[in-house]
Amino acid sequence: MEKQERKSGTHGKRMSVHIPYLCKSGGIPSDHTKIMLLRTGQKHIKFRSGAKLPLASRICLLVPEIIALLVALVENINEIMFFVHICLGLYLWEHILEGPLNPPDKSSQWREGEIQSGKINFSFYTGPAVVQGHVSLDTDSVVLVLNGREQQKISYSIQWLQHVQGLVQMRSVSRVAVVLLGNEQCNNDWISPYLKRHGGFVDLLFLVYDSPWVNDKDIFQWPLGVATYRHFPVVTLSGQMLKTARPYLCNFLGTMYKNSSRETLMGVLQQNGMEKDCLMHVREKWLPQETADTSRQYQMALAQSDLTLCPVGVNTECYRIYEACAYGSVPVVEDVLTPGACAVGNRSPLRLLKDAGAPFIFLKDWRELPAILERERGMSQKEKTERRMRLLEWYSGFRQQIKDKFTEVLEDVFFKIT
């Protein structure tokens, strides 16, 4: 068997398989390919054969054992297509599912990949050219990765939802999940009418931030992840980077907002003469994109610091937390609720991370920082290395846990696999 391609139709699964189809001399013209379709229940297996394939030159023969093997294989495969117009989808695909993307060029208009997780074959499509009505639909199960952070993004997300709603009404699509970058203040009412629980068609919602909607039945919390829109990479640390002493106790590279706790943080560092221990670089205005130099500077700061300071922004959860984990730099997290409609309680903020046992340093006030840094100075390099390894192991396990949960929920709700 040389090559396998799996596709799924709206009335069952189709597996297109390239195999040697042996024919008598002259049985099939050398410049043609013969296609046969084997139906088994609601499944379809397509066989391609012809002289261009190896061994396609003798008697016509399809070995029954090969057919039985292919039938058994396709019976256990379920297909889901991702349509992504937000970089949160790249965190899902490359960091959580660890799927490939082609072409590798991040500026490509169209990128796609395929990977199997559990009993699901995921196909992923992203890029500016991936627009409604211009993508061939090869399955009746779809995951949309959408942006609900601000009104302009919401308007575009609604266009996608309305497009898929039309496909549901035409019975081209029967199962829909949405992974949503929610509003930082958890104001997500706009998507409510599309949820099946409110008479809509969306079976499952995976939602970023501590929304009170999360019930772990049809609405699940999703991690914010790293800033892939700034091309933050999948990080693999060398053994030397794991064990080598880092030159800085901590770092903070970010935007300074007036009347925020970030001003308190800077004041504490300056008053206690800790600026030389911590790599600091602040700017007055937030920039959505980084230059190659600023991106490299930021990643070097993470790689050269034992701790990464994570003050709150509009929401407590920020990209910096996950990016610090990727480099083994322990997040020092300001553990306070921000204004808005997000959930309150002992588990919030950062409910998802706390429930997973995140080995972070949590504080309520940046005036606690000098005592934390004093303890850091008393730690041996062996202790810091072991802690760094524990953080990296935890972060790897966290992503695996999210992957497993995501796959299991889709298997259960979409395909009734338990």
Protein backbone atom coordinates (compact mmCIF):
# COMPACT_ATOMS: atom_id res chain seq x y z
CA MET A 1 0.00 0.00 0.00
CA GLU A 2 1.57 3.25 -1.09
CA LYS A 3 -0.60 6.18 -0.12
CA GLN A 4 -3.77 6.83 1.81
CA GLU A 5 -6.02 9.88 1.62
CA ARG A 6 -9.08 10.17 3.82
CA LYS A 7 -12.07 12.29 2.93
CA SER A 8 -15.50 12.49 4.47
CA GLY A 9 -18.76 13.16 2.68
CA THR A 10 -21.97 14.51 4.14
CA HIS A 11 -23.64 11.10 4.10
CA GLY A 12 -20.79 9.03 5.48
CA LYS A 13 -17.06 8.66 5.32
CA ARG A 14 -15.02 8.25 2.15
CA MET A 15 -11.50 6.90 2.10
CA SER A 16 -9.52 7.35 -1.09
CA VAL A 17 -6.77 4.73 -1.22
CA HIS A 18 -3.97 4.30 -3.74
CA ILE A 19 -3.12 0.59 -4.01
CA PRO A 20 -1.52 -1.67 -6.62
CA TYR A 21 -4.32 -2.92 -8.91
CA LEU A 22 -2.83 -5.82 -10.85
CA CYS A 23 -4.06 -6.24 -14.47
CA LYS A 24 -3.37 -8.42 -17.48
CA SER A 25 -1.15 -6.91 -20.11
CA GLY A 26 -3.22 -4.50 -22.12
CA GLY A 27 -6.10 -4.69 -19.65
CA ILE A 28 -5.85 -0.98 -18.82
CA PRO A 29 -4.34 1.67 -21.08
CA SER A 30 -1.04 2.90 -19.65
CA ASP A 31 -2.22 6.52 -19.60
CA HIS A 32 -5.44 5.97 -17.67
CA THR A 33 -6.40 5.47 -14.05
CA LYS A 34 -9.39 3.35 -13.14
CA ILE A 35 -11.51 4.28 -10.11
CA MET A 36 -13.78 1.91 -8.22
CA LEU A 37 -15.95 2.68 -5.21
CA LEU A 38 -16.60 0.06 -2.55
CA ARG A 39 -19.58 0.72 -0.31
CA THR A 40 -19.74 -0.77 3.15
CA GLY A 41 -22.76 0.35 5.14
CA GLN A 42 -22.65 4.14 5.14
CA LYS A 43 -18.93 4.16 4.46
CA HIS A 44 -17.34 4.52 1.04
CA ILE A 45 -13.89 3.34 0.00
CA LYS A 46 -12.55 4.57 -3.31
CA PHE A 47 -9.88 2.52 -5.07
CA ARG A 48 -7.63 4.15 -7.65
CA SER A 49 -5.67 1.91 -9.98
CA GLY A 50 -3.76 2.17 -13.22
CA ALA A 51 -0.55 1.58 -15.06
CA LYS A 52 1.11 4.56 -13.43
CA LEU A 53 0.97 2.71 -10.10
CA PRO A 54 3.65 0.10 -9.32
CA LEU A 55 2.77 -3.48 -10.29
CA ALA A 56 -0.21 -2.33 -12.38
CA SER A 57 0.69 -4.60 -15.24
CA ARG A 58 -0.63 -8.12 -14.64
CA ILE A 59 -3.91 -9.80 -13.67
CA CYS A 60 -6.80 -7.74 -12.28
CA LEU A 61 -6.97 -8.64 -8.61
CA LEU A 62 -8.19 -6.96 -5.44
CA VAL A 63 -7.11 -9.01 -2.46
CA PRO A 64 -10.10 -9.51 -0.07
CA GLU A 65 -7.83 -9.20 2.96
CA ILE A 66 -6.77 -5.72 1.85
CA ILE A 67 -10.40 -4.68 1.46
CA ALA A 68 -11.26 -6.01 4.92
CA LEU A 69 -8.33 -4.11 6.43
CA LEU A 70 -9.35 -0.84 4.77
CA VAL A 71 -12.98 -1.25 5.84
CA ALA A 72 -11.95 -1.83 9.45
CA LEU A 73 -9.72 1.25 9.31
CA VAL A 74 -12.26 3.64 7.83
CA GLU A 75 -15.06 2.48 10.14
CA ASN A 76 -13.15 3.95 13.08
CA ILE A 77 -12.23 7.33 11.57
CA ASN A 78 -14.35 10.46 11.97
CA GLU A 79 -13.64 13.67 10.09
CA ILE A 80 -13.68 17.26 11.38
CA MET A 81 -12.68 20.40 9.46
CA PHE A 82 -11.35 23.56 11.16
CA PHE A 83 -11.94 26.97 9.58
CA VAL A 84 -9.75 29.60 11.22
CA HIS A 85 -9.52 33.37 10.75
CA ILE A 86 -7.82 34.19 14.06
CA CYS A 87 -4.39 33.33 15.41
CA LEU A 88 -5.93 31.61 18.44
CA GLY A 89 -6.44 28.77 15.98
CA LEU A 90 -2.69 28.51 15.43
CA TYR A 91 -2.19 27.97 19.16
CA LEU A 92 -4.83 25.24 19.02
CA TRP A 93 -3.32 23.58 15.96
CA GLU A 94 0.45 23.96 16.42
CA HIS A 95 0.81 24.10 20.23
CA ILE A 96 -2.10 21.95 21.45
CA LEU A 97 -2.78 19.43 18.67
CA GLU A 98 0.83 19.70 17.37
CA GLY A 99 -0.37 19.54 13.79
CA PRO A 100 1.66 20.44 10.67
CA LEU A 101 0.89 23.41 8.41
CA ASN A 102 1.71 23.76 4.72
CA PRO A 103 3.14 25.81 3.26
CA PRO A 104 5.40 26.71 6.22
CA ASP A 105 5.51 30.39 5.15
CA LYS A 106 3.38 32.27 7.71
CA SER A 107 2.50 34.96 5.14
CA SER A 108 0.83 32.46 2.79
CA GLN A 109 -2.72 33.25 1.75
CA TRP A 110 -3.82 29.66 2.30
CA ARG A 111 -2.37 27.14 4.78
CA GLU A 112 -3.66 23.72 5.67
CA GLY A 113 -2.77 20.62 7.64
CA GLU A 114 -4.08 17.26 8.76
CA ILE A 115 -3.60 15.19 11.89
CA GLN A 116 -5.33 12.39 13.74
CA SER A 117 -6.17 12.63 17.45
CA GLY A 118 -8.04 9.79 19.08
CA LYS A 119 -10.60 8.55 16.57
CA ILE A 120 -10.85 11.90 14.78
CA ASN A 121 -9.05 13.00 11.64
CA PHE A 122 -8.68 16.80 11.85
CA SER A 123 -8.25 18.95 8.73
CA PHE A 124 -7.19 22.56 9.32
CA TYR A 125 -7.55 25.57 7.00
CA THR A 126 -6.38 29.11 7.71
CA GLY A 127 -5.21 32.26 5.95
CA PRO A 128 -6.74 35.31 4.23
CA ALA A 129 -7.93 33.16 1.31
CA VAL A 130 -10.03 30.95 3.59
CA VAL A 131 -13.37 32.75 3.23
CA GLN A 132 -17.01 31.72 3.39
CA GLY A 133 -18.27 29.93 0.31
CA HIS A 134 -14.81 29.41 -1.19
CA VAL A 135 -13.79 26.30 0.75
CA SER A 136 -14.73 22.81 -0.39
CA LEU A 137 -16.61 21.06 2.40
CA ASP A 138 -15.63 17.41 2.74
CA THR A 139 -17.33 16.62 6.05
CA ASP A 140 -20.51 17.35 7.98
CA SER A 141 -18.59 18.21 11.18
CA VAL A 142 -17.02 21.66 11.49
CA VAL A 143 -15.04 23.63 14.09
CA LEU A 144 -14.91 27.42 13.69
CA VAL A 145 -12.20 29.40 15.50
CA LEU A 146 -13.58 32.92 15.88
CA ASN A 147 -12.71 36.30 17.40
CA GLY A 148 -15.21 37.98 19.71
CA ARG A 149 -12.92 40.47 21.40
CA GLU A 150 -14.22 43.65 19.75
CA GLN A 151 -17.13 44.72 17.53
CA GLN A 152 -15.28 44.69 14.22
CA LYS A 153 -14.08 41.14 14.87
CA ILE A 154 -17.54 40.09 16.03
CA SER A 155 -19.10 41.31 12.77
CA TYR A 156 -16.76 39.10 10.75
CA SER A 157 -17.36 36.15 13.07
CA ILE A 158 -21.11 36.54 12.58
CA GLN A 159 -20.61 36.29 8.82
CA TRP A 160 -18.96 32.90 9.32
CA LEU A 161 -21.71 31.75 11.68
CA GLN A 162 -24.41 32.79 9.23
CA HIS A 163 -22.61 30.97 6.42
CA VAL A 164 -22.41 27.75 8.43
CA GLN A 165 -26.00 28.19 9.57
CA GLY A 166 -27.01 28.11 5.91
CA LEU A 167 -25.05 24.88 5.45
CA VAL A 168 -26.82 23.39 8.47
CA GLN A 169 -30.19 24.35 7.01
CA MET A 170 -29.20 22.68 3.72
CA ARG A 171 -28.07 19.63 5.73
CA SER A 172 -24.56 19.88 4.37
CA VAL A 173 -23.33 20.32 7.96
CA SER A 174 -24.83 18.59 10.97
CA ARG A 175 -22.34 19.21 13.81
CA VAL A 176 -20.71 22.53 14.75
CA ALA A 177 -18.30 23.61 17.48
CA VAL A 178 -16.86 27.09 18.04
CA VAL A 179 -13.57 27.99 19.72
CA LEU A 180 -14.01 31.65 20.65
CA LEU A 181 -11.55 34.30 21.76
CA GLY A 182 -14.06 35.96 24.03
CA ASN A 183 -14.32 39.52 25.22
CA GLU A 184 -11.80 40.33 27.96
CA GLN A 185 -14.63 41.42 30.24
CA CYS A 186 -16.62 38.26 29.39
CA ASN A 187 -19.35 40.14 27.52
CA ASN A 188 -20.21 37.52 24.91
CA ASP A 189 -24.00 37.80 24.62
CA TRP A 190 -23.81 38.25 20.84
CA ILE A 191 -23.08 34.54 20.30
CA SER A 192 -25.81 33.29 22.62
CA PRO A 193 -28.57 33.01 19.92
CA TYR A 194 -26.31 30.72 17.85
CA LEU A 195 -25.90 28.16 20.64
CA LYS A 196 -28.07 25.05 20.46
CA ARG A 197 -29.12 25.58 24.09
CA HIS A 198 -30.82 28.81 22.92
CA GLY A 199 -32.34 27.40 19.74
CA GLY A 200 -29.28 27.80 17.53
CA PHE A 201 -27.06 25.26 15.79
CA VAL A 202 -23.72 25.41 17.66
CA ASP A 203 -23.35 22.19 19.64
CA LEU A 204 -20.21 23.12 21.58
CA LEU A 205 -18.50 26.34 22.64
CA PHE A 206 -14.89 26.50 23.85
CA LEU A 207 -14.48 29.96 25.38
CA VAL A 208 -11.40 31.94 26.46
CA TYR A 209 -11.45 33.65 29.89
CA ASP A 210 -13.33 32.82 33.09
CA SER A 211 -16.85 33.12 31.71
CA PRO A 212 -19.70 32.26 34.11
CA TRP A 213 -21.26 30.37 31.17
CA VAL A 214 -18.75 27.52 31.47
CA ASN A 215 -20.56 24.34 32.58
CA ASP A 216 -18.30 21.56 31.18
CA LYS A 217 -21.31 20.14 29.34
CA ASP A 218 -21.69 22.20 26.18
CA ILE A 219 -19.55 25.24 27.14
CA PHE A 220 -15.92 24.69 28.10
CA GLN A 221 -13.09 27.03 29.03
CA TRP A 222 -10.22 27.36 26.54
CA PRO A 223 -6.71 28.72 27.24
CA LEU A 224 -5.64 32.06 25.77
CA GLY A 225 -2.25 30.64 24.82
CA VAL A 226 0.67 32.48 23.26
CA ALA A 227 0.55 35.46 20.89
CA THR A 228 0.80 33.58 17.60
CA TYR A 229 -0.38 36.77 15.86
CA ARG A 230 3.05 38.10 16.83
CA HIS A 231 4.60 34.88 15.50
CA PHE A 232 5.51 33.50 18.93
CA PRO A 233 7.02 30.11 18.06
CA VAL A 234 6.72 26.57 19.35
CA VAL A 235 9.69 26.57 21.75
CA THR A 236 12.06 23.66 22.35
CA LEU A 237 14.72 24.35 24.97
CA SER A 238 18.11 22.69 24.70
CA GLY A 239 19.61 20.83 27.64
CA GLN A 240 22.05 23.69 28.13
CA MET A 241 19.24 26.26 28.31
CA LEU A 242 17.53 24.10 30.93
CA LYS A 243 20.53 23.87 33.23
CA THR A 244 22.49 27.08 32.70
CA ALA A 245 22.18 29.88 35.25
CA ARG A 246 20.14 32.78 33.92
CA PRO A 247 21.57 36.31 34.27
CA TYR A 248 18.35 37.95 35.50
CA LEU A 249 16.06 37.19 38.42
CA CYS A 250 13.04 38.54 36.56
CA ASN A 251 11.81 40.46 33.54
CA PHE A 252 9.01 42.73 32.45
CA LEU A 253 8.75 44.02 28.89
CA GLY A 254 5.41 45.65 28.23
CA THR A 255 3.15 48.67 28.00
CA MET A 256 2.79 51.08 30.90
CA TYR A 257 -0.82 52.14 31.51
CA LYS A 258 -1.59 55.18 33.67
CA ASN A 259 -3.16 54.50 37.08
CA SER A 260 -2.56 50.76 36.72
CA SER A 261 -0.81 48.24 38.96
CA ARG A 262 2.03 48.32 36.45
CA GLU A 263 2.96 51.75 37.80
CA THR A 264 3.00 50.22 41.29
CA LEU A 265 5.25 47.43 40.02
CA MET A 266 7.76 49.84 38.49
CA GLY A 267 7.74 51.96 41.63
CA VAL A 268 8.50 48.91 43.82
CA LEU A 269 11.41 47.88 41.60
CA GLN A 270 12.89 51.39 41.57
CA GLN A 271 12.46 52.01 45.31
CA ASN A 272 14.17 48.75 46.23
CA GLY A 273 17.03 49.12 43.76
CA MET A 274 16.05 45.96 41.92
CA GLU A 275 16.26 47.32 38.40
CA LYS A 276 19.66 45.69 37.87
CA ASP A 277 18.26 42.29 38.91
CA CYS A 278 15.32 42.48 36.53
CA LEU A 279 15.40 43.03 32.78
CA MET A 280 12.93 45.86 32.21
CA HIS A 281 11.71 47.64 29.11
CA VAL A 282 8.46 49.60 29.08
CA ARG A 283 6.64 51.61 26.43
CA GLU A 284 3.78 54.07 26.67
CA LYS A 285 1.61 52.69 23.88
CA TRP A 286 0.50 49.13 23.09
CA LEU A 287 1.48 47.93 19.62
CA PRO A 288 -0.41 45.02 18.02
CA GLN A 289 2.61 43.87 16.01
CA GLU A 290 6.24 43.44 16.95
CA THR A 291 9.27 44.04 14.77
CA ALA A 292 11.74 41.20 14.33
CA ASP A 293 14.06 43.00 16.77
CA THR A 294 11.47 43.58 19.51
CA SER A 295 10.19 40.02 19.18
CA ARG A 296 13.71 38.64 19.54
CA GLN A 297 14.37 40.97 22.48
CA TYR A 298 11.22 39.77 24.25
CA GLN A 299 12.00 36.08 23.74
CA MET A 300 15.57 36.59 24.94
CA ALA A 301 14.22 38.24 28.10
CA LEU A 302 12.08 35.18 28.81
CA ALA A 303 14.99 32.82 28.14
CA GLN A 304 17.40 34.78 30.38
CA SER A 305 15.14 35.25 33.43
CA ASP A 306 14.18 32.93 36.27
CA LEU A 307 10.86 34.74 36.73
CA THR A 308 8.51 36.66 34.43
CA LEU A 309 6.38 39.38 36.02
CA CYS A 310 2.76 39.23 34.83
CA PRO A 311 0.72 42.27 35.93
CA VAL A 312 -2.96 42.36 34.99
CA GLY A 313 -4.20 44.14 31.89
CA VAL A 314 -7.85 44.36 30.88
CA ASN A 315 -8.02 40.71 32.03
CA THR A 316 -5.78 38.79 34.42
CA GLU A 317 -5.10 36.09 31.82
CA CYS A 318 -2.49 37.25 29.33
CA TYR A 319 -0.25 35.82 26.62
CA ARG A 320 2.81 36.54 28.76
CA ILE A 321 1.86 33.77 31.21
CA TYR A 322 1.91 31.05 28.55
CA GLU A 323 4.97 32.48 26.80
CA ALA A 324 6.91 32.45 30.08
CA CYS A 325 5.95 28.80 30.58
CA ALA A 326 7.28 27.94 27.12
CA TYR A 327 10.72 29.27 28.13
CA GLY A 328 10.72 27.82 31.64
CA SER A 329 10.52 31.26 33.26
CA VAL A 330 8.15 31.02 36.24
CA PRO A 331 5.21 33.44 35.91
CA VAL A 332 4.73 35.77 38.88
CA VAL A 333 1.03 36.46 38.48
CA GLU A 334 -0.99 39.33 39.90
CA ASP A 335 -3.89 37.26 41.24
CA VAL A 336 -6.68 39.86 41.24
CA LEU A 337 -10.04 40.07 39.49
CA THR A 338 -10.45 42.70 36.79
CA PRO A 339 -13.67 44.70 36.17
CA GLY A 340 -16.33 43.08 34.01
CA ALA A 341 -18.72 40.15 33.87
CA CYS A 342 -16.22 37.32 34.34
CA ALA A 343 -16.79 34.67 36.99
CA VAL A 344 -15.93 35.38 40.61
CA GLY A 345 -15.10 32.95 43.39
CA ASN A 346 -12.20 31.10 44.95
CA ARG A 347 -11.09 29.60 41.63
CA SER A 348 -11.06 32.87 39.71
CA PRO A 349 -9.24 34.50 38.10
CA LEU A 350 -7.21 32.03 36.01
CA ARG A 351 -9.63 29.21 36.84
CA LEU A 352 -8.41 26.89 34.09
CA LEU A 353 -4.75 27.22 35.07
CA LYS A 354 -5.35 26.90 38.80
CA ASP A 355 -7.50 23.80 38.34
CA ALA A 356 -4.61 22.28 36.38
CA GLY A 357 -2.23 22.94 39.30
CA ALA A 358 -0.16 25.67 37.62
CA PRO A 359 3.19 25.98 39.50
CA PHE A 360 3.18 29.78 39.40
CA ILE A 361 3.93 32.38 42.04
CA PHE A 362 0.68 34.22 42.84
CA LEU A 363 0.57 37.56 44.63
CA LYS A 364 -2.16 40.09 45.41
CA ASP A 365 0.02 43.20 45.57
CA TRP A 366 3.32 44.02 43.86
CA ARG A 367 4.66 45.21 47.20
CA GLU A 368 5.09 41.50 47.97
CA LEU A 369 7.72 41.26 45.20
CA PRO A 370 10.86 42.26 47.21
CA ALA A 371 10.37 39.31 49.58
CA ILE A 372 9.88 36.96 46.62
CA LEU A 373 13.09 38.16 44.96
CA GLU A 374 14.98 37.82 48.23
CA ARG A 375 13.98 34.16 48.37
CA GLU A 376 15.13 33.79 44.76
CA ARG A 377 18.60 35.02 45.67
CA GLY A 378 18.82 32.28 48.30
CA MET A 379 18.01 29.45 45.87
CA SER A 380 20.79 27.26 44.49
CA GLN A 381 21.17 26.75 40.75
CA LYS A 382 20.21 23.09 41.24
CA GLU A 383 16.93 24.17 42.84
CA LYS A 384 16.22 26.63 40.03
CA THR A 385 16.97 24.04 37.35
CA GLU A 386 14.65 21.50 38.99
CA ARG A 387 11.92 24.12 39.26
CA ARG A 388 12.41 25.09 35.61
CA MET A 389 12.05 21.46 34.55
CA ARG A 390 8.91 21.05 36.67
CA LEU A 391 7.36 24.10 34.99
CA LEU A 392 8.16 22.81 31.50
CA GLU A 393 6.81 19.35 32.35
CA TRP A 394 3.66 20.91 33.77
CA TYR A 395 3.12 23.07 30.69
CA SER A 396 3.61 20.10 28.38
CA GLY A 397 1.15 18.08 30.46
CA PHE A 398 -1.33 20.97 30.51
CA ARG A 399 -1.36 21.17 26.71
CA GLN A 400 -1.76 17.39 26.48
CA GLN A 401 -4.64 17.57 28.95
CA ILE A 402 -6.36 20.25 26.85
CA LYS A 403 -5.81 18.19 23.69
CA ASP A 404 -7.24 15.04 25.27
CA LYS A 405 -10.25 16.85 26.71
CA PHE A 406 -10.98 18.62 23.41
CA THR A 407 -10.78 15.36 21.47
CA GLU A 408 -12.89 13.44 23.99
CA VAL A 409 -15.64 16.07 24.03
CA LEU A 410 -15.83 16.11 20.23
CA GLU A 411 -15.85 12.30 20.09
CA ASP A 412 -18.65 12.14 22.64
CA VAL A 413 -20.89 14.96 21.41
CA PHE A 414 -20.28 14.70 17.65
CA PHE A 415 -19.82 10.96 17.18
CA LYS A 416 -21.15 9.39 20.41
CA ILE A 417 -17.83 7.64 21.01
CA THR A 418 -17.29 6.84 24.69
